[in-house]
Amino acid sequence: MIGIIGGSGLYDIEGFTEREERPVDTPFGAPSDPPVVGRLGGHEVAFLARHGRGHRLMPTEINFRANVFALKTLGVDRILSVSAVGSMREELVPGHMVVVDQFYDHTKRRVSTFFGDGIVGHVALAHPICPQLADGFAKGAETAGAVVHRGGTYICIEGPQFSTLAESNVYRSWGMDVIGMTNATEAKLAREAGMCYSTLAMVTDFDCWHPDHDAVTTEAVIRVLLQNVALSKEIIRRTLDVLPQTPPPCGCRTAAKNAVITAREHIPKDALERLRPILGEGA
């Protein structure tokens, strides 16, 4: 099953058939919304609205652990994530799509690991995006007629405020390409959960570094956002068609296999049971 996490403006997808809400209880609380399982263009998918339907949750309020854990327990092994972002580069114009391949996590208040409370684990995150999934996303965007950029770094800030001008200029000097508030956290958790993960970053506006930023109205940003969301739905459909039904072997799936360094005899039984869906039955 392929998981789809919808960001700002993407709370549902038309053409979903055999749809069924699947409320999931997780050890980390409730997800943003009950996942909706069904078929989209003949493919089995699970859709989750990141901010909840109606956009009820700020980025910091999102229960990222519950969202990823819920998808994992439903049988999802690949996550297509869609997110609205600001552009940090002149060539990344509002309306363009960026299939990012790196993250810089600049958040301050997030819990971004399933480990803790008696069990310690470390996963490799040098390459946080699954290249096979990213290639499928890019091909889906290209066939849908989008202007798509392959690769780029997404800086994830805490929010909910946008950047100050000083911050924006610093992020540009660091080499950041787009800016958002959610996806680095998801990518970390997906890797711990042994799930492939890729982000389609939809550019809605230039961040405040741009000299013309003050001329952009909220109405204009929302107009671009809505256009992006409509296009992203077609991109998702096209991406599902190009992804292999049986994905080839991938390092994302085994990232947590040897991650736990806590001695087995010192791991509390409840901690082991809590993470069994992630660590597997042999844990």
Protein backbone atom coordinates (compact mmCIF):
# COMPACT_ATOMS: atom_id res chain seq x y z
CA MET A 1 0.00 0.00 0.00
CA ILE A 2 1.20 3.50 -0.81
CA GLY A 3 0.61 6.30 1.69
CA ILE A 4 -0.19 9.86 0.62
CA ILE A 5 0.23 12.71 3.11
CA GLY A 6 -1.51 15.87 1.97
CA GLY A 7 -0.33 19.28 3.11
CA SER A 8 -1.88 22.75 3.05
CA GLY A 9 -4.93 22.71 0.78
CA LEU A 10 -4.77 18.97 0.03
CA TYR A 11 -7.33 17.38 2.32
CA ASP A 12 -8.93 14.92 -0.10
CA ILE A 13 -8.47 13.53 -3.63
CA GLU A 14 -11.26 13.10 -6.13
CA GLY A 15 -11.67 9.68 -7.70
CA PHE A 16 -11.02 7.75 -4.50
CA THR A 17 -13.10 4.56 -4.73
CA GLU A 18 -13.88 1.85 -2.17
CA ARG A 19 -12.92 4.46 0.40
CA GLU A 20 -13.10 3.66 4.06
CA GLU A 21 -11.98 5.60 7.11
CA ARG A 22 -9.63 3.55 9.25
CA PRO A 23 -9.29 5.09 12.72
CA VAL A 24 -6.01 3.91 14.22
CA ASP A 25 -4.95 3.93 17.85
CA THR A 26 -1.22 4.40 18.23
CA PRO A 27 1.06 4.37 21.29
CA PHE A 28 1.73 8.03 20.48
CA GLY A 29 -1.86 9.24 20.40
CA ALA A 30 -4.25 10.02 17.57
CA PRO A 31 -3.11 10.96 14.05
CA SER A 32 -4.11 14.29 12.53
CA ASP A 33 -7.17 12.67 10.95
CA PRO A 34 -8.39 9.10 10.50
CA PRO A 35 -6.53 7.71 7.46
CA VAL A 36 -8.75 7.00 4.45
CA VAL A 37 -7.99 3.72 2.68
CA GLY A 38 -9.24 3.02 -0.82
CA ARG A 39 -8.26 2.80 -4.46
CA LEU A 40 -7.02 5.59 -6.67
CA GLY A 41 -6.65 4.75 -10.33
CA GLY A 42 -6.56 1.07 -9.49
CA HIS A 43 -3.89 1.45 -6.82
CA GLU A 44 -4.39 0.72 -3.13
CA VAL A 45 -3.61 3.84 -1.13
CA ALA A 46 -3.99 5.31 2.32
CA PHE A 47 -4.53 9.08 2.46
CA LEU A 48 -3.85 11.24 5.52
CA ALA A 49 -4.43 15.00 5.81
CA ARG A 50 -1.35 16.29 7.66
CA HIS A 51 -3.09 19.30 9.22
CA GLY A 52 -6.46 17.55 9.57
CA ARG A 53 -9.43 18.23 7.35
CA GLY A 54 -10.22 21.93 7.51
CA HIS A 55 -6.57 22.66 8.44
CA ARG A 56 -6.97 22.53 12.22
CA LEU A 57 -3.39 21.86 13.30
CA MET A 58 -0.37 24.15 13.27
CA PRO A 59 2.92 22.51 12.23
CA THR A 60 4.09 22.21 15.84
CA GLU A 61 0.75 20.71 16.88
CA ILE A 62 0.90 17.88 14.34
CA ASN A 63 1.39 14.47 15.92
CA PHE A 64 3.96 13.31 13.37
CA ARG A 65 4.74 10.10 15.24
CA ALA A 66 1.09 9.07 15.29
CA ASN A 67 0.69 9.92 11.58
CA VAL A 68 3.63 7.82 10.42
CA PHE A 69 2.92 4.99 12.89
CA ALA A 70 -0.72 4.82 11.77
CA LEU A 71 0.28 4.49 8.11
CA LYS A 72 2.85 1.83 9.01
CA THR A 73 0.29 -0.27 10.87
CA LEU A 74 -2.08 -0.06 7.88
CA GLY A 75 0.56 -1.71 5.71
CA VAL A 76 2.01 1.36 4.01
CA ASP A 77 5.63 0.91 2.91
CA ARG A 78 6.02 4.01 0.69
CA ILE A 79 4.97 7.58 1.49
CA LEU A 80 4.33 10.28 -1.09
CA SER A 81 4.29 13.58 0.78
CA VAL A 82 2.94 16.82 -0.67
CA SER A 83 3.84 20.15 0.92
CA ALA A 84 3.46 23.87 0.18
CA VAL A 85 6.77 25.74 0.38
CA GLY A 86 8.36 29.10 -0.15
CA SER A 87 11.13 29.57 -2.69
CA MET A 88 14.66 30.59 -1.71
CA ARG A 89 15.89 30.75 -5.31
CA GLU A 90 15.06 33.06 -8.21
CA GLU A 91 14.67 30.12 -10.59
CA LEU A 92 12.15 28.34 -8.34
CA VAL A 93 9.08 30.29 -9.35
CA PRO A 94 5.66 30.12 -7.67
CA GLY A 95 3.76 27.32 -9.38
CA HIS A 96 6.87 25.17 -9.86
CA MET A 97 7.33 21.77 -8.21
CA VAL A 98 10.53 20.64 -6.49
CA VAL A 99 11.26 16.98 -5.76
CA VAL A 100 13.72 17.65 -2.95
CA ASP A 101 16.51 15.26 -2.01
CA GLN A 102 17.80 16.83 1.22
CA PHE A 103 16.52 18.41 4.44
CA TYR A 104 17.94 20.82 6.96
CA ASP A 105 16.01 20.51 10.22
CA HIS A 106 15.85 23.92 11.91
CA THR A 107 12.90 23.11 14.17
CA LYS A 108 13.11 23.63 17.93
CA ARG A 109 10.14 21.93 19.60
CA ARG A 110 9.60 18.67 17.71
CA VAL A 111 9.70 15.08 18.84
CA SER A 112 11.18 13.45 15.75
CA THR A 113 11.96 9.90 16.89
CA PHE A 114 10.06 6.81 17.93
CA PHE A 115 12.90 5.82 20.25
CA GLY A 116 13.23 6.80 23.90
CA ASP A 117 11.67 5.73 27.20
CA GLY A 118 14.09 2.87 27.67
CA ILE A 119 15.07 2.03 24.11
CA VAL A 120 17.76 3.88 22.15
CA GLY A 121 18.25 3.63 18.40
CA HIS A 122 20.11 5.51 15.68
CA VAL A 123 19.36 5.33 11.95
CA ALA A 124 21.42 6.66 9.06
CA LEU A 125 19.91 9.76 7.44
CA ALA A 126 22.61 11.01 5.07
CA HIS A 127 20.17 10.55 2.20
CA PRO A 128 16.70 11.10 3.73
CA ILE A 129 14.75 10.73 0.46
CA CYS A 130 14.20 7.42 -1.30
CA PRO A 131 15.74 7.90 -4.77
CA GLN A 132 13.39 5.41 -6.43
CA LEU A 133 10.32 7.10 -5.02
CA ALA A 134 11.68 10.56 -5.87
CA ASP A 135 12.29 9.48 -9.47
CA GLY A 136 8.68 8.29 -9.68
CA PHE A 137 7.43 11.58 -8.25
CA ALA A 138 9.49 13.57 -10.75
CA LYS A 139 8.28 11.45 -13.69
CA GLY A 140 4.70 11.83 -12.49
CA ALA A 141 5.12 15.60 -12.31
CA GLU A 142 6.70 15.77 -15.77
CA THR A 143 3.95 13.72 -17.42
CA ALA A 144 1.33 15.88 -15.68
CA GLY A 145 2.81 18.94 -17.39
CA ALA A 146 4.33 20.55 -14.30
CA VAL A 147 7.55 22.54 -14.26
CA VAL A 148 9.55 20.26 -11.98
CA HIS A 149 13.03 20.58 -10.51
CA ARG A 150 14.82 17.39 -9.49
CA GLY A 151 16.77 17.82 -6.26
CA GLY A 152 17.04 20.60 -3.73
CA THR A 153 17.30 21.21 -0.01
CA TYR A 154 14.21 21.88 2.09
CA ILE A 155 14.84 23.82 5.30
CA CYS A 156 12.24 22.97 7.91
CA ILE A 157 11.48 25.75 10.42
CA GLU A 158 9.26 25.62 13.47
CA GLY A 159 6.72 28.24 12.50
CA PRO A 160 3.94 29.13 12.54
CA GLN A 161 5.45 32.52 11.73
CA PHE A 162 7.27 32.96 8.44
CA SER A 163 10.91 34.02 8.43
CA THR A 164 12.29 37.43 9.27
CA LEU A 165 14.25 39.05 6.45
CA ALA A 166 17.50 38.38 8.35
CA GLU A 167 16.62 34.70 8.74
CA SER A 168 15.62 34.38 5.10
CA ASN A 169 18.93 35.84 3.94
CA VAL A 170 20.87 33.52 6.25
CA TYR A 171 19.01 30.46 4.93
CA ARG A 172 19.85 31.52 1.38
CA SER A 173 23.51 31.90 2.31
CA TRP A 174 23.40 28.33 3.66
CA GLY A 175 22.33 27.05 0.25
CA MET A 176 18.70 26.28 1.03
CA ASP A 177 16.31 25.95 -1.93
CA VAL A 178 12.82 25.85 -0.40
CA ILE A 179 11.40 26.50 3.04
CA GLY A 180 8.59 24.75 4.88
CA MET A 181 7.50 23.66 8.34
CA THR A 182 6.76 19.94 8.28
CA ASN A 183 8.58 17.48 6.06
CA ALA A 184 11.95 16.99 7.75
CA THR A 185 10.16 15.58 10.79
CA GLU A 186 8.18 13.14 8.63
CA ALA A 187 11.30 12.02 6.77
CA LYS A 188 13.13 11.17 10.00
CA LEU A 189 10.23 9.13 11.33
CA ALA A 190 9.64 7.37 8.02
CA ARG A 191 13.28 6.26 7.97
CA GLU A 192 13.02 4.89 11.52
CA ALA A 193 9.85 3.07 10.49
CA GLY A 194 11.56 1.48 7.47
CA MET A 195 9.39 3.31 4.95
CA CYS A 196 10.41 4.90 1.65
CA TYR A 197 9.68 8.64 1.67
CA SER A 198 9.65 11.40 -0.94
CA THR A 199 8.44 15.00 -0.95
CA LEU A 200 6.77 17.02 -3.68
CA ALA A 201 7.41 20.61 -2.63
CA MET A 202 4.89 22.97 -4.27
CA VAL A 203 6.21 26.53 -4.52
CA THR A 204 3.52 29.03 -3.54
CA ASP A 205 5.61 32.21 -3.17
CA PHE A 206 9.07 33.65 -2.77
CA ASP A 207 10.20 33.92 0.82
CA CYS A 208 10.67 37.45 2.15
CA TRP A 209 14.25 37.72 0.77
CA HIS A 210 12.82 38.49 -2.68
CA PRO A 211 12.64 42.22 -3.56
CA ASP A 212 9.13 41.78 -4.99
CA HIS A 213 7.82 39.87 -1.98
CA ASP A 214 6.00 42.86 -0.50
CA ALA A 215 4.06 43.21 -3.75
CA VAL A 216 2.61 39.71 -3.34
CA THR A 217 -0.78 39.66 -1.66
CA THR A 218 -2.24 36.89 0.48
CA GLU A 219 -4.90 36.43 -2.18
CA ALA A 220 -2.21 35.84 -4.80
CA VAL A 221 -0.46 33.26 -2.62
CA ILE A 222 -3.73 31.42 -1.99
CA ARG A 223 -4.51 31.46 -5.71
CA VAL A 224 -1.16 29.81 -6.48
CA LEU A 225 -1.69 27.35 -3.61
CA LEU A 226 -5.03 26.23 -5.01
CA GLN A 227 -3.57 25.88 -8.50
CA ASN A 228 -0.71 23.82 -7.08
CA VAL A 229 -3.10 21.57 -5.16
CA ALA A 230 -5.17 20.86 -8.26
CA LEU A 231 -2.00 20.00 -10.19
CA SER A 232 -0.61 17.90 -7.33
CA LYS A 233 -3.65 15.61 -7.47
CA GLU A 234 -2.91 14.84 -11.11
CA ILE A 235 0.77 14.39 -10.28
CA ILE A 236 -0.12 11.85 -7.59
CA ARG A 237 -2.26 9.89 -10.05
CA ARG A 238 0.51 9.90 -12.66
CA THR A 239 3.11 8.94 -10.03
CA LEU A 240 1.06 5.95 -8.87
CA ASP A 241 0.99 4.75 -12.49
CA VAL A 242 4.78 4.87 -12.93
CA LEU A 243 5.76 3.32 -9.59
CA PRO A 244 6.41 -0.43 -9.70
CA GLN A 245 3.73 -2.50 -7.99
CA THR A 246 6.46 -4.48 -6.26
CA PRO A 247 9.24 -2.06 -5.38
CA PRO A 248 12.83 -3.23 -5.81
CA PRO A 249 14.99 -3.79 -2.70
CA CYS A 250 15.69 -0.51 -0.96
CA GLY A 251 17.89 0.53 1.95
CA CYS A 252 15.03 2.57 3.43
CA ARG A 253 13.27 -0.65 4.45
CA THR A 254 16.16 -2.00 6.52
CA ALA A 255 17.35 1.27 8.08
CA ALA A 256 16.12 0.35 11.56
CA LYS A 257 17.19 -3.31 11.42
CA ASN A 258 20.32 -2.83 13.51
CA ALA A 259 19.49 0.62 14.88
CA VAL A 260 18.82 -0.37 18.49
CA ILE A 261 21.95 -0.18 20.66
CA THR A 262 20.28 -0.72 24.03
CA ALA A 263 21.15 -4.14 25.44
CA ARG A 264 18.16 -6.43 25.02
CA GLU A 265 18.00 -7.30 28.71
CA HIS A 266 17.70 -3.61 29.59
CA ILE A 267 14.85 -2.79 27.23
CA PRO A 268 11.50 -2.50 29.08
CA LYS A 269 8.94 -4.94 27.72
CA ASP A 270 6.41 -2.16 27.10
CA ALA A 271 8.97 -0.20 25.07
CA LEU A 272 9.64 -3.23 22.90
CA GLU A 273 5.93 -3.88 22.37
CA ARG A 274 5.34 -0.22 21.54
CA LEU A 275 7.85 -0.35 18.70
CA ARG A 276 7.19 -3.88 17.45
CA PRO A 277 5.32 -2.66 14.32
CA ILE A 278 8.48 -0.72 13.44
CA LEU A 279 11.20 -3.15 14.59
CA GLY A 280 9.41 -6.28 13.41
CA GLU A 281 8.31 -9.48 15.08
CA GLY A 282 11.85 -10.66 15.64
CA ALA A 283 12.68 -7.71 17.89
